[in-house]
Amino acid sequence: MARFATFFLMFALLVCSASLSARAELPQRFRLGLTIGTDEGTRERVEPFRRYMESVVDRPVDLFLFETLAETAAALSQSNIDYARLSPTAYAFLAKSCVGCVTPLVTSRPDSVTGRFHAVLIAMKGASAPGNPGQGLEDLRGGRIGIGPPDAVATHQLFLTHMRAQGRAPEQFFSRLDTVRTPLEGIAGLLAGTLDGVVGWSTMAGDPATGYSGGTLADFFRETNGSTSKLGIVWQSVALPYTAHVVRASLDEDLRQRLQSALIDLPQEAPDVYRAIEGDVFPGGFEPVSEEDYAGYLLLAE
C-alpha cells in the first residue's frame, strides 16, 4: 500500500507538472493599445495592422482602444497592454514617471529624408551675408519674438525649455514674447517689421533654398510660391522624433527586435497595413529609436 501511495503521488506530480508545462507553452496573448480620440471607426481601420502584428509575434493579438494618450500611457505603466503608439511627449512623461518600464522601438517619418525635426528661431538675413543669416541669436537680444500658443509643443513648450536648458531665459533675453496663432502668421510679422524673430520648426534636412524638406520655411515657400532667401535660422533645438511606438521593457529582447524589424520593413512589405496605422501624415515609414533620441522631450518632462 505504501508503494502504491508513493507511485500515485509521483504520478499525480508528473501529471500536474505536465499540465503546468503545457500551460506555459500555450501562446500568450499580445495586447496592442491605440488612442482613438473621437474616431469611432478606428477598430475597423486598424484591423489589418492587428492581423499583421499577429504574424510578427506569432500569438493572438488583442486590440485595446483608449480615448486619450494619458489613458494609453497609464495602461502601459500598469502592464495592461504590451505595445502602444504614443506622442513623443506622452512617451517622455511616461518614461519619467515609470523609469525603466517602457522602451521605444521606432518613430514615424513624414518623408524619406529624415525622421527628426527641430524647434527653430527664424530671423531676417543680413544684406551683407548673402545665403547666410546676417545675425546670430545674440543679435536678437532684447528683440520681439513671435511664439506659438501655450499648447503648441514645438513652437512654445520645447522652445522655452531648450532655451532655458542652454542658459538663456527667453523672458529675460527677449524684450517681448508675442503669441502668434501659427508660425506663418509670425513670418508675416517678421517681414512686416513688427517682429524680430519667430519660433517655428524645421527638419533642417534637404534643400535650404526651398525651406528644407519640411517645416515653417518649407510651408512659407509652398504657400507663397516665393523665396526664403531673406529668412534664416539663428537657433535650433536638438533633433526631435515625431512619434513613439513603445513596448513594455519586460518583453523578451528577441521579441522586441522582431517587432522593430517588422515595423521598419512594413511600408515595403504591406503598404496598406502601414497606412492603416500611420495614415497620410507620415508616409515616410519608420526608423529605429532609443530612449536617448527623446532627450529633448525628457527635458520637457522634467
Protein backbone atom coordinates (compact mmCIF):
# COMPACT_ATOMS: atom_id res chain seq x y z
CA MET A 1 0.00 0.00 0.00
CA ALA A 2 2.84 2.36 0.83
CA ARG A 3 4.45 1.65 -2.56
CA PHE A 4 1.11 2.30 -4.31
CA ALA A 5 0.64 5.55 -2.40
CA THR A 6 4.14 6.63 -3.36
CA PHE A 7 3.52 5.74 -7.02
CA PHE A 8 0.18 7.55 -7.03
CA LEU A 9 1.76 10.66 -5.53
CA MET A 10 4.57 10.65 -8.08
CA PHE A 11 2.09 10.10 -10.92
CA ALA A 12 -0.05 12.98 -9.71
CA LEU A 13 3.01 15.24 -9.50
CA LEU A 14 4.06 14.29 -13.04
CA VAL A 15 0.56 14.96 -14.38
CA CYS A 16 0.46 18.29 -12.57
CA SER A 17 3.92 19.19 -13.87
CA ALA A 18 2.96 18.25 -17.43
CA SER A 19 -0.21 20.31 -17.13
CA LEU A 20 1.74 23.35 -15.90
CA SER A 21 4.30 22.87 -18.67
CA ALA A 22 1.55 22.68 -21.28
CA ARG A 23 0.01 25.86 -19.92
CA ALA A 24 3.38 27.61 -20.05
CA GLU A 25 3.80 26.58 -23.67
CA LEU A 26 0.41 27.96 -24.67
CA PRO A 27 0.90 31.23 -26.60
CA GLN A 28 0.37 34.33 -24.50
CA ARG A 29 -1.91 36.98 -25.90
CA PHE A 30 -0.23 40.17 -27.11
CA ARG A 31 -2.03 43.37 -26.14
CA LEU A 32 -1.96 46.30 -28.57
CA GLY A 33 -3.12 49.72 -27.38
CA LEU A 34 -4.14 52.68 -29.55
CA THR A 35 -5.52 56.12 -28.81
CA ILE A 36 -8.67 56.84 -30.81
CA GLY A 37 -9.96 60.19 -29.55
CA THR A 38 -13.40 60.54 -31.14
CA ASP A 39 -12.69 58.30 -34.15
CA GLU A 40 -15.30 55.55 -33.86
CA GLY A 41 -14.04 53.79 -36.98
CA THR A 42 -10.57 53.07 -35.60
CA ARG A 43 -11.11 49.40 -34.76
CA GLU A 44 -12.11 48.53 -38.31
CA ARG A 45 -9.45 50.75 -39.84
CA VAL A 46 -6.53 49.27 -37.88
CA GLU A 47 -7.66 45.65 -38.13
CA PRO A 48 -5.08 44.94 -40.90
CA PHE A 49 -2.35 46.18 -38.54
CA ARG A 50 -3.62 43.95 -35.72
CA ARG A 51 -3.51 40.91 -38.03
CA TYR A 52 -0.02 41.87 -39.20
CA MET A 53 1.12 42.04 -35.60
CA GLU A 54 -0.21 38.53 -35.02
CA SER A 55 2.03 37.24 -37.80
CA VAL A 56 5.02 39.01 -36.22
CA VAL A 57 4.56 37.96 -32.59
CA ASP A 58 3.13 34.52 -33.51
CA ARG A 59 0.37 34.72 -30.95
CA PRO A 60 -3.15 36.19 -30.68
CA VAL A 61 -3.24 39.99 -30.57
CA ASP A 62 -5.96 41.83 -28.66
CA LEU A 63 -6.72 45.44 -29.53
CA PHE A 64 -7.40 47.93 -26.74
CA LEU A 65 -8.69 51.38 -27.66
CA PHE A 66 -8.36 54.43 -25.42
CA GLU A 67 -9.84 57.90 -25.74
CA THR A 68 -6.74 59.77 -24.58
CA LEU A 69 -2.98 59.41 -24.68
CA ALA A 70 -2.94 59.64 -20.88
CA GLU A 71 -5.13 56.54 -20.64
CA THR A 72 -2.96 54.69 -23.14
CA ALA A 73 0.23 55.59 -21.26
CA ALA A 74 -1.36 54.56 -17.96
CA ALA A 75 -2.28 51.17 -19.42
CA LEU A 76 1.36 50.66 -20.41
CA SER A 77 2.64 51.63 -16.97
CA GLN A 78 0.17 49.25 -15.30
CA SER A 79 1.15 46.37 -17.62
CA ASN A 80 -2.37 46.20 -19.05
CA ILE A 81 -1.04 46.44 -22.62
CA ASP A 82 2.28 45.48 -24.23
CA TYR A 83 2.55 47.95 -27.13
CA ALA A 84 1.24 51.40 -27.97
CA ARG A 85 1.67 54.26 -30.38
CA LEU A 86 2.28 57.42 -28.34
CA SER A 87 3.15 61.02 -28.99
CA PRO A 88 6.79 61.68 -28.08
CA THR A 89 5.66 63.96 -25.25
CA ALA A 90 3.40 61.26 -23.80
CA TYR A 91 6.27 58.78 -24.01
CA ALA A 92 8.64 61.20 -22.23
CA PHE A 93 6.27 61.77 -19.32
CA LEU A 94 5.66 58.01 -19.07
CA ALA A 95 9.40 57.28 -19.13
CA LYS A 96 9.93 59.80 -16.31
CA SER A 97 7.10 58.50 -14.14
CA CYS A 98 7.74 54.81 -14.78
CA VAL A 99 11.52 54.55 -15.04
CA GLY A 100 12.68 51.51 -16.98
CA CYS A 101 9.22 50.10 -17.67
CA VAL A 102 8.94 51.02 -21.37
CA THR A 103 11.25 51.28 -24.35
CA PRO A 104 10.69 52.97 -27.74
CA LEU A 105 11.15 50.94 -30.93
CA VAL A 106 10.54 53.25 -33.90
CA THR A 107 9.41 56.73 -34.87
CA SER A 108 7.32 57.69 -37.90
CA ARG A 109 8.74 59.76 -40.74
CA PRO A 110 6.88 62.37 -42.81
CA ASP A 111 9.22 61.70 -45.74
CA SER A 112 12.24 59.65 -46.70
CA VAL A 113 14.71 62.42 -45.80
CA THR A 114 14.61 62.34 -42.01
CA GLY A 115 12.59 61.20 -39.03
CA ARG A 116 13.57 64.20 -36.90
CA PHE A 117 12.71 67.87 -36.65
CA HIS A 118 13.91 70.87 -34.63
CA ALA A 119 12.25 73.79 -32.92
CA VAL A 120 13.89 76.82 -34.58
CA LEU A 121 14.09 80.58 -34.30
CA ILE A 122 13.78 82.37 -37.64
CA ALA A 123 15.04 85.91 -38.33
CA MET A 124 15.78 88.14 -41.30
CA LYS A 125 19.08 87.60 -43.11
CA GLY A 126 21.58 90.42 -43.36
CA ALA A 127 22.22 92.01 -46.73
CA SER A 128 25.95 91.78 -46.14
CA ALA A 129 25.98 87.99 -46.00
CA PRO A 130 24.01 86.54 -48.92
CA GLY A 131 22.93 82.97 -48.36
CA ASN A 132 23.68 83.07 -44.62
CA PRO A 133 21.93 84.54 -41.60
CA GLY A 134 23.19 88.07 -41.17
CA GLN A 135 22.71 87.84 -37.45
CA GLY A 136 23.01 85.26 -34.74
CA LEU A 137 20.97 84.62 -31.65
CA GLU A 138 22.86 87.24 -29.65
CA ASP A 139 21.78 89.87 -32.18
CA LEU A 140 18.16 89.19 -31.20
CA ARG A 141 18.77 90.00 -27.54
CA GLY A 142 16.08 92.47 -26.50
CA GLY A 143 14.06 91.72 -29.64
CA ARG A 144 10.37 90.99 -30.19
CA ILE A 145 9.69 87.30 -30.77
CA GLY A 146 6.59 85.63 -32.15
CA ILE A 147 5.90 82.42 -30.20
CA GLY A 148 3.21 79.78 -30.51
CA PRO A 149 0.28 79.46 -28.06
CA PRO A 150 0.97 77.67 -24.75
CA ASP A 151 -0.36 74.32 -26.00
CA ALA A 152 2.00 74.33 -29.02
CA VAL A 153 4.66 71.74 -28.19
CA ALA A 154 7.38 72.69 -30.69
CA THR A 155 6.82 76.43 -31.05
CA HIS A 156 6.20 77.18 -27.39
CA GLN A 157 6.96 74.46 -24.84
CA LEU A 158 10.08 72.96 -26.41
CA PHE A 159 11.42 76.36 -27.45
CA LEU A 160 11.20 77.77 -23.91
CA THR A 161 12.53 74.58 -22.31
CA HIS A 162 15.52 74.23 -24.61
CA MET A 163 16.44 77.91 -24.44
CA ARG A 164 16.48 77.71 -20.66
CA ALA A 165 18.49 74.49 -20.77
CA GLN A 166 21.10 76.36 -22.84
CA GLY A 167 21.37 79.06 -20.19
CA ARG A 168 19.09 81.73 -21.66
CA ALA A 169 15.75 82.59 -20.04
CA PRO A 170 13.61 83.73 -23.00
CA GLU A 171 11.50 86.06 -20.85
CA GLN A 172 14.67 87.97 -19.93
CA PHE A 173 16.71 87.50 -23.11
CA PHE A 174 14.00 88.97 -25.37
CA SER A 175 12.03 92.16 -24.71
CA ARG A 176 8.68 90.62 -25.73
CA LEU A 177 7.20 87.21 -26.45
CA ASP A 178 4.11 87.81 -28.56
CA THR A 179 1.75 84.90 -29.15
CA VAL A 180 1.02 84.15 -32.82
CA ARG A 181 -1.58 81.64 -33.93
CA THR A 182 0.72 79.97 -36.46
CA PRO A 183 4.39 80.26 -37.41
CA LEU A 184 3.34 81.61 -40.82
CA GLU A 185 1.49 84.43 -39.07
CA GLY A 186 4.77 85.11 -37.30
CA ILE A 187 6.66 85.13 -40.62
CA ALA A 188 4.24 87.80 -41.87
CA GLY A 189 5.07 89.90 -38.81
CA LEU A 190 8.76 89.31 -39.37
CA LEU A 191 8.55 90.51 -42.97
CA ALA A 192 6.42 93.50 -41.91
CA GLY A 193 8.96 94.52 -39.29
CA THR A 194 6.64 94.12 -36.29
CA LEU A 195 8.68 91.11 -35.06
CA ASP A 196 12.42 90.48 -34.92
CA GLY A 197 12.14 86.72 -34.81
CA VAL A 198 9.56 83.95 -34.91
CA VAL A 199 9.61 80.46 -33.43
CA GLY A 200 8.93 77.70 -35.95
CA TRP A 201 10.07 74.20 -36.74
CA SER A 202 12.22 72.59 -39.41
CA THR A 203 13.66 69.25 -40.43
CA MET A 204 16.98 71.05 -41.13
CA ALA A 205 17.45 68.45 -43.89
CA GLY A 206 17.06 68.70 -47.63
CA ASP A 207 17.36 71.82 -49.77
CA PRO A 208 17.62 75.09 -47.77
CA ALA A 209 16.55 77.05 -50.85
CA THR A 210 13.04 75.58 -50.59
CA GLY A 211 12.89 75.77 -46.81
CA TYR A 212 14.35 72.28 -46.23
CA SER A 213 12.23 69.13 -46.56
CA GLY A 214 9.61 70.26 -44.09
CA GLY A 215 8.75 72.91 -41.53
CA THR A 216 7.85 76.56 -41.26
CA LEU A 217 10.14 77.77 -44.05
CA ALA A 218 9.01 74.95 -46.33
CA ASP A 219 5.37 75.86 -45.65
CA PHE A 220 6.14 79.51 -46.42
CA PHE A 221 7.85 78.54 -49.68
CA ARG A 222 4.91 76.40 -50.81
CA GLU A 223 2.09 78.72 -49.74
CA THR A 224 3.60 81.92 -51.12
CA ASN A 225 5.38 80.33 -54.06
CA GLY A 226 8.15 82.65 -53.05
CA SER A 227 11.74 82.65 -51.93
CA THR A 228 13.12 82.07 -48.44
CA SER A 229 16.32 83.95 -49.29
CA LYS A 230 15.51 86.76 -46.86
CA LEU A 231 14.96 84.37 -43.94
CA GLY A 232 17.45 82.41 -41.87
CA ILE A 233 17.51 80.12 -38.85
CA VAL A 234 19.54 81.57 -35.98
CA TRP A 235 18.82 78.94 -33.32
CA GLN A 236 17.71 75.32 -33.27
CA SER A 237 16.86 72.73 -30.64
CA VAL A 238 18.23 69.21 -30.55
CA ALA A 239 16.73 66.73 -33.03
CA LEU A 240 13.22 65.58 -32.05
CA PRO A 241 11.37 62.43 -33.23
CA TYR A 242 7.79 62.77 -34.44
CA THR A 243 6.15 59.77 -32.72
CA ALA A 244 6.99 56.88 -30.42
CA HIS A 245 5.96 53.26 -30.96
CA VAL A 246 6.60 51.86 -27.49
CA VAL A 247 6.62 48.44 -25.80
CA ARG A 248 6.92 47.20 -22.27
CA ALA A 249 10.61 46.80 -21.40
CA SER A 250 9.81 43.44 -19.79
CA LEU A 251 9.09 41.90 -23.20
CA ASP A 252 11.61 39.36 -24.38
CA GLU A 253 14.51 41.07 -26.15
CA ASP A 254 14.19 38.81 -29.18
CA LEU A 255 10.52 39.77 -29.48
CA ARG A 256 11.34 43.47 -29.23
CA GLN A 257 13.91 43.12 -32.01
CA ARG A 258 11.46 41.19 -34.20
CA LEU A 259 8.86 43.89 -33.68
CA GLN A 260 11.30 46.67 -34.53
CA SER A 261 12.50 44.93 -37.71
CA ALA A 262 8.94 44.15 -38.80
CA LEU A 263 7.85 47.75 -38.33
CA ILE A 264 10.80 49.07 -40.33
CA ASP A 265 10.00 46.62 -43.15
CA LEU A 266 6.24 47.26 -43.02
CA PRO A 267 5.94 50.06 -45.65
CA GLN A 268 7.64 47.88 -48.26
CA GLU A 269 6.04 44.57 -47.30
CA ALA A 270 2.50 45.81 -46.70
CA PRO A 271 1.98 49.50 -47.57
CA ASP A 272 -1.77 49.30 -46.98
CA VAL A 273 -1.18 47.98 -43.48
CA TYR A 274 1.30 50.80 -42.83
CA ARG A 275 -1.27 53.40 -43.92
CA ALA A 276 -3.82 51.77 -41.63
CA ILE A 277 -1.75 52.73 -38.61
CA GLU A 278 0.03 55.91 -39.79
CA GLY A 279 -2.45 57.35 -42.27
CA ASP A 280 -1.26 60.00 -44.73
CA VAL A 281 0.54 62.17 -42.17
CA PHE A 282 3.71 60.06 -42.00
CA PRO A 283 4.16 58.34 -45.38
CA GLY A 284 7.95 58.03 -44.99
CA GLY A 285 8.00 54.81 -42.98
CA PHE A 286 9.67 54.03 -39.67
CA GLU A 287 13.20 54.38 -38.38
CA PRO A 288 14.66 52.87 -35.19
CA VAL A 289 14.96 54.91 -32.00
CA SER A 290 16.18 54.53 -28.43
CA GLU A 291 15.44 56.44 -25.25
CA GLU A 292 18.35 58.79 -25.95
CA ASP A 293 16.59 60.05 -29.08
CA TYR A 294 13.86 61.55 -26.88
CA ALA A 295 16.24 63.55 -24.69
CA GLY A 296 14.66 66.79 -25.92
CA TYR A 297 11.24 65.66 -24.72
CA LEU A 298 12.62 64.28 -21.47
CA LEU A 299 13.83 67.80 -20.73
CA LEU A 300 10.24 68.96 -21.12
CA ALA A 301 9.00 66.18 -18.83
CA GLU A 302 11.37 67.36 -16.10
